[in-house]
mmCIF file of all heavy atoms, coordinates in Angstrom:
data_MODEL
# 
_entry.id   MODEL 
# 
loop_
_atom_site.group_PDB 
_atom_site.id 
_atom_site.type_symbol 
_atom_site.label_atom_id 
_atom_site.label_alt_id 
_atom_site.label_comp_id 
_atom_site.label_asym_id 
_atom_site.label_entity_id 
_atom_site.label_seq_id 
_atom_site.pdbx_PDB_ins_code 
_atom_site.Cartn_x 
_atom_site.Cartn_y 
_atom_site.Cartn_z 
_atom_site.occupancy 
_atom_site.B_iso_or_equiv 
_atom_site.pdbx_formal_charge 
_atom_site.auth_seq_id 
_atom_site.auth_comp_id 
_atom_site.auth_asym_id 
_atom_site.auth_atom_id 
_atom_site.pdbx_PDB_model_num 
ATOM 1   N N   . MET A 1 1  ? 78.385 84.321  151.293 1.00 0.00 ? 1  MET A N   1 
ATOM 2   C CA  . MET A 1 1  ? 77.640 85.556  151.013 1.00 0.00 ? 1  MET A CA  1 
ATOM 3   C C   . MET A 1 1  ? 78.460 86.859  151.373 1.00 0.00 ? 1  MET A C   1 
ATOM 4   O O   . MET A 1 1  ? 78.950 86.802  152.542 1.00 0.00 ? 1  MET A O   1 
ATOM 5   C CB  . MET A 1 1  ? 76.269 85.534  151.698 1.00 0.00 ? 1  MET A CB  1 
ATOM 6   C CG  . MET A 1 1  ? 75.413 84.265  151.189 1.00 0.00 ? 1  MET A CG  1 
ATOM 7   S SD  . MET A 1 1  ? 73.759 84.359  151.770 1.00 0.00 ? 1  MET A SD  1 
ATOM 8   C CE  . MET A 1 1  ? 74.073 84.237  153.550 1.00 0.00 ? 1  MET A CE  1 
ATOM 9   N N   . CYS A 1 2  ? 78.545 87.735  150.581 1.00 0.00 ? 2  CYS A N   1 
ATOM 10  C CA  . CYS A 1 2  ? 79.269 88.984  150.816 1.00 0.00 ? 2  CYS A CA  1 
ATOM 11  C C   . CYS A 1 2  ? 78.493 90.249  150.767 1.00 0.00 ? 2  CYS A C   1 
ATOM 12  O O   . CYS A 1 2  ? 78.907 91.294  151.207 1.00 0.00 ? 2  CYS A O   1 
ATOM 13  C CB  . CYS A 1 2  ? 80.396 89.147  149.867 1.00 0.00 ? 2  CYS A CB  1 
ATOM 14  S SG  . CYS A 1 2  ? 81.628 87.772  149.782 1.00 0.00 ? 2  CYS A SG  1 
ATOM 15  N N   . GLY A 1 3  ? 77.270 90.226  150.233 1.00 0.00 ? 3  GLY A N   1 
ATOM 16  C CA  . GLY A 1 3  ? 76.463 91.405  150.080 1.00 0.00 ? 3  GLY A CA  1 
ATOM 17  C C   . GLY A 1 3  ? 75.272 91.102  149.230 1.00 0.00 ? 3  GLY A C   1 
ATOM 18  O O   . GLY A 1 3  ? 75.127 90.009  148.724 1.00 0.00 ? 3  GLY A O   1 
ATOM 19  N N   . GLY A 1 4  ? 74.546 92.123  148.857 1.00 0.00 ? 4  GLY A N   1 
ATOM 20  C CA  . GLY A 1 4  ? 73.357 91.933  148.023 1.00 0.00 ? 4  GLY A CA  1 
ATOM 21  C C   . GLY A 1 4  ? 73.240 93.094  146.935 1.00 0.00 ? 4  GLY A C   1 
ATOM 22  O O   . GLY A 1 4  ? 73.941 94.066  147.047 1.00 0.00 ? 4  GLY A O   1 
ATOM 23  N N   . ALA A 1 5  ? 72.264 92.897  146.072 1.00 0.00 ? 5  ALA A N   1 
ATOM 24  C CA  . ALA A 1 5  ? 71.996 93.924  144.970 1.00 0.00 ? 5  ALA A CA  1 
ATOM 25  C C   . ALA A 1 5  ? 70.514 93.861  144.657 1.00 0.00 ? 5  ALA A C   1 
ATOM 26  O O   . ALA A 1 5  ? 69.994 92.735  144.601 1.00 0.00 ? 5  ALA A O   1 
ATOM 27  C CB  . ALA A 1 5  ? 72.813 93.725  143.765 1.00 0.00 ? 5  ALA A CB  1 
ATOM 28  N N   . THR A 1 6  ? 69.864 94.982  144.562 1.00 0.00 ? 6  THR A N   1 
ATOM 29  C CA  . THR A 1 6  ? 68.496 95.010  144.230 1.00 0.00 ? 6  THR A CA  1 
ATOM 30  C C   . THR A 1 6  ? 68.168 96.226  143.443 1.00 0.00 ? 6  THR A C   1 
ATOM 31  O O   . THR A 1 6  ? 69.007 97.198  143.297 1.00 0.00 ? 6  THR A O   1 
ATOM 32  C CB  . THR A 1 6  ? 67.637 94.898  145.459 1.00 0.00 ? 6  THR A CB  1 
ATOM 33  O OG1 . THR A 1 6  ? 66.267 94.788  145.072 1.00 0.00 ? 6  THR A OG1 1 
ATOM 34  C CG2 . THR A 1 6  ? 67.838 96.056  146.326 1.00 0.00 ? 6  THR A CG2 1 
ATOM 35  N N   . LYS A 1 7  ? 67.013 96.387  142.852 1.00 0.00 ? 7  LYS A N   1 
ATOM 36  C CA  . LYS A 1 7  ? 66.646 97.582  142.129 1.00 0.00 ? 7  LYS A CA  1 
ATOM 37  C C   . LYS A 1 7  ? 66.288 98.727  143.005 1.00 0.00 ? 7  LYS A C   1 
ATOM 38  O O   . LYS A 1 7  ? 65.683 98.538  144.062 1.00 0.00 ? 7  LYS A O   1 
ATOM 39  C CB  . LYS A 1 7  ? 65.342 97.187  141.232 1.00 0.00 ? 7  LYS A CB  1 
ATOM 40  C CG  . LYS A 1 7  ? 64.827 98.357  140.428 1.00 0.00 ? 7  LYS A CG  1 
ATOM 41  C CD  . LYS A 1 7  ? 63.506 98.037  139.738 1.00 0.00 ? 7  LYS A CD  1 
ATOM 42  C CE  . LYS A 1 7  ? 62.944 99.217  138.942 1.00 0.00 ? 7  LYS A CE  1 
ATOM 43  N NZ  . LYS A 1 7  ? 61.699 98.797  138.118 1.00 0.00 ? 7  LYS A NZ  1 
ATOM 44  N N   . GLN A 1 8  ? 66.689 99.907  142.674 1.00 0.00 ? 8  GLN A N   1 
ATOM 45  C CA  . GLN A 1 8  ? 66.366 101.046 143.498 1.00 0.00 ? 8  GLN A CA  1 
ATOM 46  C C   . GLN A 1 8  ? 64.806 101.280 143.387 1.00 0.00 ? 8  GLN A C   1 
ATOM 47  O O   . GLN A 1 8  ? 64.360 101.576 142.265 1.00 0.00 ? 8  GLN A O   1 
ATOM 48  C CB  . GLN A 1 8  ? 67.120 102.320 142.938 1.00 0.00 ? 8  GLN A CB  1 
ATOM 49  C CG  . GLN A 1 8  ? 66.776 103.666 143.662 1.00 0.00 ? 8  GLN A CG  1 
ATOM 50  C CD  . GLN A 1 8  ? 67.022 103.636 145.197 1.00 0.00 ? 8  GLN A CD  1 
ATOM 51  O OE1 . GLN A 1 8  ? 66.087 103.296 145.828 1.00 0.00 ? 8  GLN A OE1 1 
ATOM 52  N NE2 . GLN A 1 8  ? 68.238 104.079 145.604 1.00 0.00 ? 8  GLN A NE2 1 
ATOM 53  N N   . GLU A 1 9  ? 64.179 101.201 144.409 1.00 0.00 ? 9  GLU A N   1 
ATOM 54  C CA  . GLU A 1 9  ? 62.696 101.360 144.422 1.00 0.00 ? 9  GLU A CA  1 
ATOM 55  C C   . GLU A 1 9  ? 62.214 102.803 144.820 1.00 0.00 ? 9  GLU A C   1 
ATOM 56  O O   . GLU A 1 9  ? 60.983 103.078 144.650 1.00 0.00 ? 9  GLU A O   1 
ATOM 57  C CB  . GLU A 1 9  ? 62.152 100.349 145.422 1.00 0.00 ? 9  GLU A CB  1 
ATOM 58  C CG  . GLU A 1 9  ? 62.380 98.895  145.039 1.00 0.00 ? 9  GLU A CG  1 
ATOM 59  C CD  . GLU A 1 9  ? 61.539 98.404  143.840 1.00 0.00 ? 9  GLU A CD  1 
ATOM 60  O OE1 . GLU A 1 9  ? 60.715 99.157  143.284 1.00 0.00 ? 9  GLU A OE1 1 
ATOM 61  O OE2 . GLU A 1 9  ? 61.801 97.263  143.315 1.00 0.00 ? 9  GLU A OE2 1 
ATOM 62  N N   . ASN A 1 10 ? 63.103 103.565 145.317 1.00 0.00 ? 10 ASN A N   1 
ATOM 63  C CA  . ASN A 1 10 ? 62.717 104.998 145.667 1.00 0.00 ? 10 ASN A CA  1 
ATOM 64  C C   . ASN A 1 10 ? 62.828 105.880 144.502 1.00 0.00 ? 10 ASN A C   1 
ATOM 65  O O   . ASN A 1 10 ? 63.828 106.266 144.015 1.00 0.00 ? 10 ASN A O   1 
ATOM 66  C CB  . ASN A 1 10 ? 63.625 105.415 146.845 1.00 0.00 ? 10 ASN A CB  1 
ATOM 67  C CG  . ASN A 1 10 ? 63.081 106.780 147.366 1.00 0.00 ? 10 ASN A CG  1 
ATOM 68  O OD1 . ASN A 1 10 ? 62.158 107.311 147.102 1.00 0.00 ? 10 ASN A OD1 1 
ATOM 69  N ND2 . ASN A 1 10 ? 63.946 107.285 148.275 1.00 0.00 ? 10 ASN A ND2 1 
ATOM 70  N N   . PRO A 1 11 ? 61.584 106.407 143.992 1.00 0.00 ? 11 PRO A N   1 
ATOM 71  C CA  . PRO A 1 11 ? 61.611 107.184 142.688 1.00 0.00 ? 11 PRO A CA  1 
ATOM 72  C C   . PRO A 1 11 ? 62.462 108.442 143.015 1.00 0.00 ? 11 PRO A C   1 
ATOM 73  O O   . PRO A 1 11 ? 62.402 109.180 143.961 1.00 0.00 ? 11 PRO A O   1 
ATOM 74  C CB  . PRO A 1 11 ? 60.263 107.657 142.578 1.00 0.00 ? 11 PRO A CB  1 
ATOM 75  C CG  . PRO A 1 11 ? 59.500 106.525 143.211 1.00 0.00 ? 11 PRO A CG  1 
ATOM 76  C CD  . PRO A 1 11 ? 60.236 106.089 144.395 1.00 0.00 ? 11 PRO A CD  1 
ATOM 77  N N   . GLY A 1 12 ? 63.384 108.721 141.982 1.00 0.00 ? 12 GLY A N   1 
ATOM 78  C CA  . GLY A 1 12 ? 64.314 109.878 142.090 1.00 0.00 ? 12 GLY A CA  1 
ATOM 79  C C   . GLY A 1 12 ? 65.560 109.694 142.799 1.00 0.00 ? 12 GLY A C   1 
ATOM 80  O O   . GLY A 1 12 ? 66.382 110.507 142.881 1.00 0.00 ? 12 GLY A O   1 
ATOM 81  N N   . ALA A 1 13 ? 65.591 108.631 143.630 1.00 0.00 ? 13 ALA A N   1 
ATOM 82  C CA  . ALA A 1 13 ? 66.831 108.437 144.436 1.00 0.00 ? 13 ALA A CA  1 
ATOM 83  C C   . ALA A 1 13 ? 67.924 107.827 143.543 1.00 0.00 ? 13 ALA A C   1 
ATOM 84  O O   . ALA A 1 13 ? 67.679 107.005 142.558 1.00 0.00 ? 13 ALA A O   1 
ATOM 85  C CB  . ALA A 1 13 ? 66.615 107.400 145.573 1.00 0.00 ? 13 ALA A CB  1 
ATOM 86  N N   . PRO A 1 14 ? 69.274 108.122 143.839 1.00 0.00 ? 14 PRO A N   1 
ATOM 87  C CA  . PRO A 1 14 ? 70.320 107.698 142.964 1.00 0.00 ? 14 PRO A CA  1 
ATOM 88  C C   . PRO A 1 14 ? 70.757 106.234 143.468 1.00 0.00 ? 14 PRO A C   1 
ATOM 89  O O   . PRO A 1 14 ? 70.248 105.737 144.423 1.00 0.00 ? 14 PRO A O   1 
ATOM 90  C CB  . PRO A 1 14 ? 71.441 108.673 143.450 1.00 0.00 ? 14 PRO A CB  1 
ATOM 91  C CG  . PRO A 1 14 ? 71.094 108.961 144.859 1.00 0.00 ? 14 PRO A CG  1 
ATOM 92  C CD  . PRO A 1 14 ? 69.684 109.083 144.970 1.00 0.00 ? 14 PRO A CD  1 
ATOM 93  N N   . SER A 1 15 ? 71.578 105.634 142.648 1.00 0.00 ? 15 SER A N   1 
ATOM 94  C CA  . SER A 1 15 ? 72.174 104.354 143.005 1.00 0.00 ? 15 SER A CA  1 
ATOM 95  C C   . SER A 1 15 ? 73.000 104.505 144.285 1.00 0.00 ? 15 SER A C   1 
ATOM 96  O O   . SER A 1 15 ? 73.659 105.596 144.376 1.00 0.00 ? 15 SER A O   1 
ATOM 97  C CB  . SER A 1 15 ? 72.984 103.833 141.897 1.00 0.00 ? 15 SER A CB  1 
ATOM 98  O OG  . SER A 1 15 ? 72.212 103.428 140.808 1.00 0.00 ? 15 SER A OG  1 
ATOM 99  N N   . MET A 1 16 ? 72.976 103.606 145.203 1.00 0.00 ? 16 MET A N   1 
ATOM 100 C CA  . MET A 1 16 ? 73.561 103.710 146.505 1.00 0.00 ? 16 MET A CA  1 
ATOM 101 C C   . MET A 1 16 ? 73.819 102.286 147.075 1.00 0.00 ? 16 MET A C   1 
ATOM 102 O O   . MET A 1 16 ? 73.149 101.373 146.678 1.00 0.00 ? 16 MET A O   1 
ATOM 103 C CB  . MET A 1 16 ? 72.921 104.593 147.383 1.00 0.00 ? 16 MET A CB  1 
ATOM 104 C CG  . MET A 1 16 ? 71.421 104.047 147.737 1.00 0.00 ? 16 MET A CG  1 
ATOM 105 S SD  . MET A 1 16 ? 70.626 104.903 149.081 1.00 0.00 ? 16 MET A SD  1 
ATOM 106 C CE  . MET A 1 16 ? 71.550 104.305 150.467 1.00 0.00 ? 16 MET A CE  1 
ATOM 107 N N   . TRP A 1 17 ? 74.794 102.275 147.898 1.00 0.00 ? 17 TRP A N   1 
ATOM 108 C CA  . TRP A 1 17 ? 75.053 101.173 148.808 1.00 0.00 ? 17 TRP A CA  1 
ATOM 109 C C   . TRP A 1 17 ? 74.298 101.370 150.273 1.00 0.00 ? 17 TRP A C   1 
ATOM 110 O O   . TRP A 1 17 ? 74.708 102.382 150.823 1.00 0.00 ? 17 TRP A O   1 
ATOM 111 C CB  . TRP A 1 17 ? 76.508 100.839 148.958 1.00 0.00 ? 17 TRP A CB  1 
ATOM 112 C CG  . TRP A 1 17 ? 77.128 100.277 147.659 1.00 0.00 ? 17 TRP A CG  1 
ATOM 113 C CD1 . TRP A 1 17 ? 77.618 101.071 146.678 1.00 0.00 ? 17 TRP A CD1 1 
ATOM 114 C CD2 . TRP A 1 17 ? 77.246 98.906  147.342 1.00 0.00 ? 17 TRP A CD2 1 
ATOM 115 N NE1 . TRP A 1 17 ? 78.025 100.253 145.666 1.00 0.00 ? 17 TRP A NE1 1 
ATOM 116 C CE2 . TRP A 1 17 ? 77.819 98.942  145.943 1.00 0.00 ? 17 TRP A CE2 1 
ATOM 117 C CE3 . TRP A 1 17 ? 76.968 97.669  147.844 1.00 0.00 ? 17 TRP A CE3 1 
ATOM 118 C CZ2 . TRP A 1 17 ? 78.164 97.722  145.375 1.00 0.00 ? 17 TRP A CZ2 1 
ATOM 119 C CZ3 . TRP A 1 17 ? 77.264 96.539  147.206 1.00 0.00 ? 17 TRP A CZ3 1 
ATOM 120 C CH2 . TRP A 1 17 ? 77.836 96.542  145.931 1.00 0.00 ? 17 TRP A CH2 1 
ATOM 121 N N   . LEU A 1 18 ? 73.434 100.513 150.598 1.00 0.00 ? 18 LEU A N   1 
ATOM 122 C CA  . LEU A 1 18 ? 72.704 100.653 151.836 1.00 0.00 ? 18 LEU A CA  1 
ATOM 123 C C   . LEU A 1 18 ? 73.412 99.822  152.943 1.00 0.00 ? 18 LEU A C   1 
ATOM 124 O O   . LEU A 1 18 ? 73.584 98.573  152.708 1.00 0.00 ? 18 LEU A O   1 
ATOM 125 C CB  . LEU A 1 18 ? 71.264 100.262 151.602 1.00 0.00 ? 18 LEU A CB  1 
ATOM 126 C CG  . LEU A 1 18 ? 70.423 100.488 152.820 1.00 0.00 ? 18 LEU A CG  1 
ATOM 127 C CD1 . LEU A 1 18 ? 70.355 101.972 153.288 1.00 0.00 ? 18 LEU A CD1 1 
ATOM 128 C CD2 . LEU A 1 18 ? 68.985 100.043 152.672 1.00 0.00 ? 18 LEU A CD2 1 
ATOM 129 N N   . THR A 1 19 ? 73.719 100.409 154.054 1.00 0.00 ? 19 THR A N   1 
ATOM 130 C CA  . THR A 1 19 ? 74.315 99.754  155.104 1.00 0.00 ? 19 THR A CA  1 
ATOM 131 C C   . THR A 1 19 ? 73.373 99.292  156.296 1.00 0.00 ? 19 THR A C   1 
ATOM 132 O O   . THR A 1 19 ? 72.554 100.260 156.575 1.00 0.00 ? 19 THR A O   1 
ATOM 133 C CB  . THR A 1 19 ? 75.487 100.583 155.848 1.00 0.00 ? 19 THR A CB  1 
ATOM 134 O OG1 . THR A 1 19 ? 76.354 101.052 154.843 1.00 0.00 ? 19 THR A OG1 1 
ATOM 135 C CG2 . THR A 1 19 ? 76.276 99.782  156.794 1.00 0.00 ? 19 THR A CG2 1 
ATOM 136 N N   . TRP A 1 20 ? 73.180 98.136  156.623 1.00 0.00 ? 20 TRP A N   1 
ATOM 137 C CA  . TRP A 1 20 ? 72.245 97.684  157.555 1.00 0.00 ? 20 TRP A CA  1 
ATOM 138 C C   . TRP A 1 20 ? 72.886 97.418  158.915 1.00 0.00 ? 20 TRP A C   1 
ATOM 139 O O   . TRP A 1 20 ? 73.922 96.693  159.035 1.00 0.00 ? 20 TRP A O   1 
ATOM 140 C CB  . TRP A 1 20 ? 71.475 96.289  157.177 1.00 0.00 ? 20 TRP A CB  1 
ATOM 141 C CG  . TRP A 1 20 ? 70.647 96.590  155.940 1.00 0.00 ? 20 TRP A CG  1 
ATOM 142 C CD1 . TRP A 1 20 ? 70.987 96.410  154.662 1.00 0.00 ? 20 TRP A CD1 1 
ATOM 143 C CD2 . TRP A 1 20 ? 69.283 96.828  155.921 1.00 0.00 ? 20 TRP A CD2 1 
ATOM 144 N NE1 . TRP A 1 20 ? 69.905 96.771  153.845 1.00 0.00 ? 20 TRP A NE1 1 
ATOM 145 C CE2 . TRP A 1 20 ? 68.798 96.972  154.611 1.00 0.00 ? 20 TRP A CE2 1 
ATOM 146 C CE3 . TRP A 1 20 ? 68.352 97.168  156.950 1.00 0.00 ? 20 TRP A CE3 1 
ATOM 147 C CZ2 . TRP A 1 20 ? 67.536 97.404  154.213 1.00 0.00 ? 20 TRP A CZ2 1 
ATOM 148 C CZ3 . TRP A 1 20 ? 67.036 97.484  156.652 1.00 0.00 ? 20 TRP A CZ3 1 
ATOM 149 C CH2 . TRP A 1 20 ? 66.692 97.588  155.261 1.00 0.00 ? 20 TRP A CH2 1 
ATOM 150 N N   . VAL A 1 21 ? 72.419 98.028  159.971 1.00 0.00 ? 21 VAL A N   1 
ATOM 151 C CA  . VAL A 1 21 ? 72.895 97.900  161.335 1.00 0.00 ? 21 VAL A CA  1 
ATOM 152 C C   . VAL A 1 21 ? 71.990 96.920  162.196 1.00 0.00 ? 21 VAL A C   1 
ATOM 153 O O   . VAL A 1 21 ? 70.694 97.231  162.104 1.00 0.00 ? 21 VAL A O   1 
ATOM 154 C CB  . VAL A 1 21 ? 73.057 99.222  162.140 1.00 0.00 ? 21 VAL A CB  1 
ATOM 155 C CG1 . VAL A 1 21 ? 73.742 99.007  163.451 1.00 0.00 ? 21 VAL A CG1 1 
ATOM 156 C CG2 . VAL A 1 21 ? 73.946 100.090 161.176 1.00 0.00 ? 21 VAL A CG2 1 
ATOM 157 N N   . SER A 1 22 ? 72.542 95.991  162.994 1.00 0.00 ? 22 SER A N   1 
ATOM 158 C CA  . SER A 1 22 ? 71.794 95.192  163.668 1.00 0.00 ? 22 SER A CA  1 
ATOM 159 C C   . SER A 1 22 ? 71.300 95.768  165.041 1.00 0.00 ? 22 SER A C   1 
ATOM 160 O O   . SER A 1 22 ? 72.158 96.387  165.747 1.00 0.00 ? 22 SER A O   1 
ATOM 161 C CB  . SER A 1 22 ? 72.553 93.808  164.079 1.00 0.00 ? 22 SER A CB  1 
ATOM 162 O OG  . SER A 1 22 ? 71.757 93.001  164.764 1.00 0.00 ? 22 SER A OG  1 
ATOM 163 N N   . VAL A 1 23 ? 70.013 95.808  165.335 1.00 0.00 ? 23 VAL A N   1 
ATOM 164 C CA  . VAL A 1 23 ? 69.513 96.387  166.578 1.00 0.00 ? 23 VAL A CA  1 
ATOM 165 C C   . VAL A 1 23 ? 68.687 95.383  167.257 1.00 0.00 ? 23 VAL A C   1 
ATOM 166 O O   . VAL A 1 23 ? 68.109 94.460  166.735 1.00 0.00 ? 23 VAL A O   1 
ATOM 167 C CB  . VAL A 1 23 ? 68.740 97.690  166.262 1.00 0.00 ? 23 VAL A CB  1 
ATOM 168 C CG1 . VAL A 1 23 ? 69.633 98.656  165.625 1.00 0.00 ? 23 VAL A CG1 1 
ATOM 169 C CG2 . VAL A 1 23 ? 67.544 97.332  165.307 1.00 0.00 ? 23 VAL A CG2 1 
ATOM 170 N N   . ALA A 1 24 ? 68.445 95.597  168.541 1.00 0.00 ? 24 ALA A N   1 
ATOM 171 C CA  . ALA A 1 24 ? 67.598 94.623  169.354 1.00 0.00 ? 24 ALA A CA  1 
ATOM 172 C C   . ALA A 1 24 ? 66.117 94.888  169.103 1.00 0.00 ? 24 ALA A C   1 
ATOM 173 O O   . ALA A 1 24 ? 65.302 93.982  169.123 1.00 0.00 ? 24 ALA A O   1 
ATOM 174 C CB  . ALA A 1 24 ? 67.938 94.846  170.873 1.00 0.00 ? 24 ALA A CB  1 
# 
């Protein structure tokens, strides 16, 4: 697994790559 892809659910937002940071 290298990453994911999904539909942009935020109306009016552009296509983008979202980075997730691990937190406690």
